[in-house]
Protein backbone atom coordinates (compact mmCIF):
# COMPACT_ATOMS: atom_id res chain seq x y z
CA MET A 1 112.31 70.99 -57.63
CA ALA A 2 114.12 71.92 -61.02
CA SER A 3 112.58 72.13 -64.29
CA ARG A 4 112.86 69.37 -66.48
CA LYS A 5 115.26 71.35 -68.76
CA GLU A 6 117.39 72.03 -65.67
CA LEU A 7 117.37 68.54 -65.05
CA LYS A 8 118.21 67.01 -67.85
CA LYS A 9 120.98 69.96 -68.57
CA GLN A 10 122.34 68.80 -65.21
CA ILE A 11 122.21 64.94 -66.35
CA LYS A 12 124.30 65.98 -69.33
CA ASP A 13 127.00 68.15 -67.35
CA VAL A 14 127.38 65.43 -64.64
CA THR A 15 127.98 62.50 -67.56
CA GLY A 16 130.16 64.91 -69.60
CA GLN A 17 132.63 65.25 -66.53
CA LEU A 18 132.41 61.97 -66.07
CA ALA A 19 133.31 60.93 -69.79
CA LEU A 20 135.81 63.64 -69.49
CA GLU A 21 137.36 62.11 -66.20
CA ILE A 22 137.33 58.36 -68.03
CA LEU A 23 138.88 59.68 -71.25
CA PHE A 24 141.79 61.66 -68.99
CA ARG A 25 142.56 58.60 -66.98
CA GLY A 26 142.57 56.29 -70.15
CA THR A 27 144.66 58.48 -72.38
CA VAL A 28 147.16 60.85 -70.56
CA LEU A 29 147.16 58.67 -67.25
CA GLN A 30 147.16 55.16 -69.08
CA ALA A 31 145.53 54.13 -66.00
CA LEU A 32 142.85 51.90 -67.76
CA GLU A 33 143.23 49.87 -70.59
CA PRO A 34 141.96 50.76 -73.84
CA GLU A 35 138.77 48.15 -73.89
CA LYS A 36 138.16 49.22 -70.39
CA MET A 37 138.11 52.97 -71.14
CA TYR A 38 135.84 52.27 -74.29
CA SER A 39 133.55 49.82 -72.31
CA LEU A 40 133.06 52.67 -69.49
CA LEU A 41 132.60 55.53 -72.26
CA SER A 42 129.69 53.32 -73.83
CA GLU A 43 127.97 52.58 -70.30
CA VAL A 44 128.08 56.44 -69.56
CA ILE A 45 126.71 57.11 -73.00
CA PHE A 46 124.04 54.84 -72.59
CA MET A 47 122.95 55.92 -68.73
CA ASN A 48 122.57 59.20 -70.31
CA ASN A 49 120.33 58.62 -72.74
CA GLN A 50 118.68 56.43 -70.43
CA PHE A 51 118.03 59.15 -67.67
CA ILE A 52 117.01 61.81 -69.82
CA SER A 53 114.15 59.52 -71.70
CA ARG A 54 113.37 59.12 -67.99
CA VAL A 55 112.96 62.64 -67.86
CA ASN A 56 111.14 63.00 -70.55
CA THR A 57 108.33 60.56 -69.82
CA ALA A 58 107.57 61.83 -66.25
CA LYS A 59 104.09 63.04 -66.21
CA GLY A 60 103.18 66.12 -64.33
CA LYS A 61 99.32 65.20 -64.17
CA LYS A 62 99.61 62.24 -61.85
CA GLY A 63 99.14 63.04 -57.88
CA THR A 64 101.51 64.76 -55.90
CA ASN A 65 102.88 61.49 -54.02
CA GLU A 66 103.41 59.62 -57.24
CA VAL A 67 105.20 62.22 -58.90
CA ASN A 68 107.49 62.60 -55.97
CA ASP A 69 108.01 58.87 -55.52
CA PHE A 70 109.06 59.04 -59.35
CA TYR A 71 111.70 61.45 -58.83
CA ARG A 72 113.00 59.82 -55.19
CA LYS A 73 113.43 56.32 -57.57
CA PHE A 74 115.13 58.49 -60.47
CA PHE A 75 117.66 60.21 -57.95
CA SER A 76 118.29 56.82 -56.32
CA ASP A 77 118.72 54.76 -59.72
CA TRP A 78 120.91 57.81 -60.64
CA GLU A 79 123.20 57.97 -57.58
CA GLU A 80 123.70 53.81 -57.92
CA GLU A 81 124.73 54.11 -61.61
CA ILE A 82 126.90 56.89 -60.94
CA ASP A 83 128.40 55.07 -58.02
CA LYS A 84 129.32 51.72 -60.17
CA ILE A 85 131.02 53.35 -62.88
CA ILE A 86 133.20 55.38 -60.48
CA ARG A 87 134.05 52.19 -58.86
CA GLU A 88 135.10 50.49 -61.73
CA PHE A 89 137.73 52.78 -62.98
């Protein structure tokens, strides 16, 4: 498993790319209405902050099973949120 620092960088990269795609579709392609574009961007920013804070609160001193369960839940929630935002645009 990657370090927390690397995990936070990956989260920021993915949310940054997602935000860039939303901006591109909203401004250049004009495939999104401005209100929809701004609401999706705010969801991406909120999601970024939420998952970064979840990584920061992960404690490494718990049992191995608890840590594994935490990260399993973390990644499944992460995939669900990304899929939800992608389906919206």
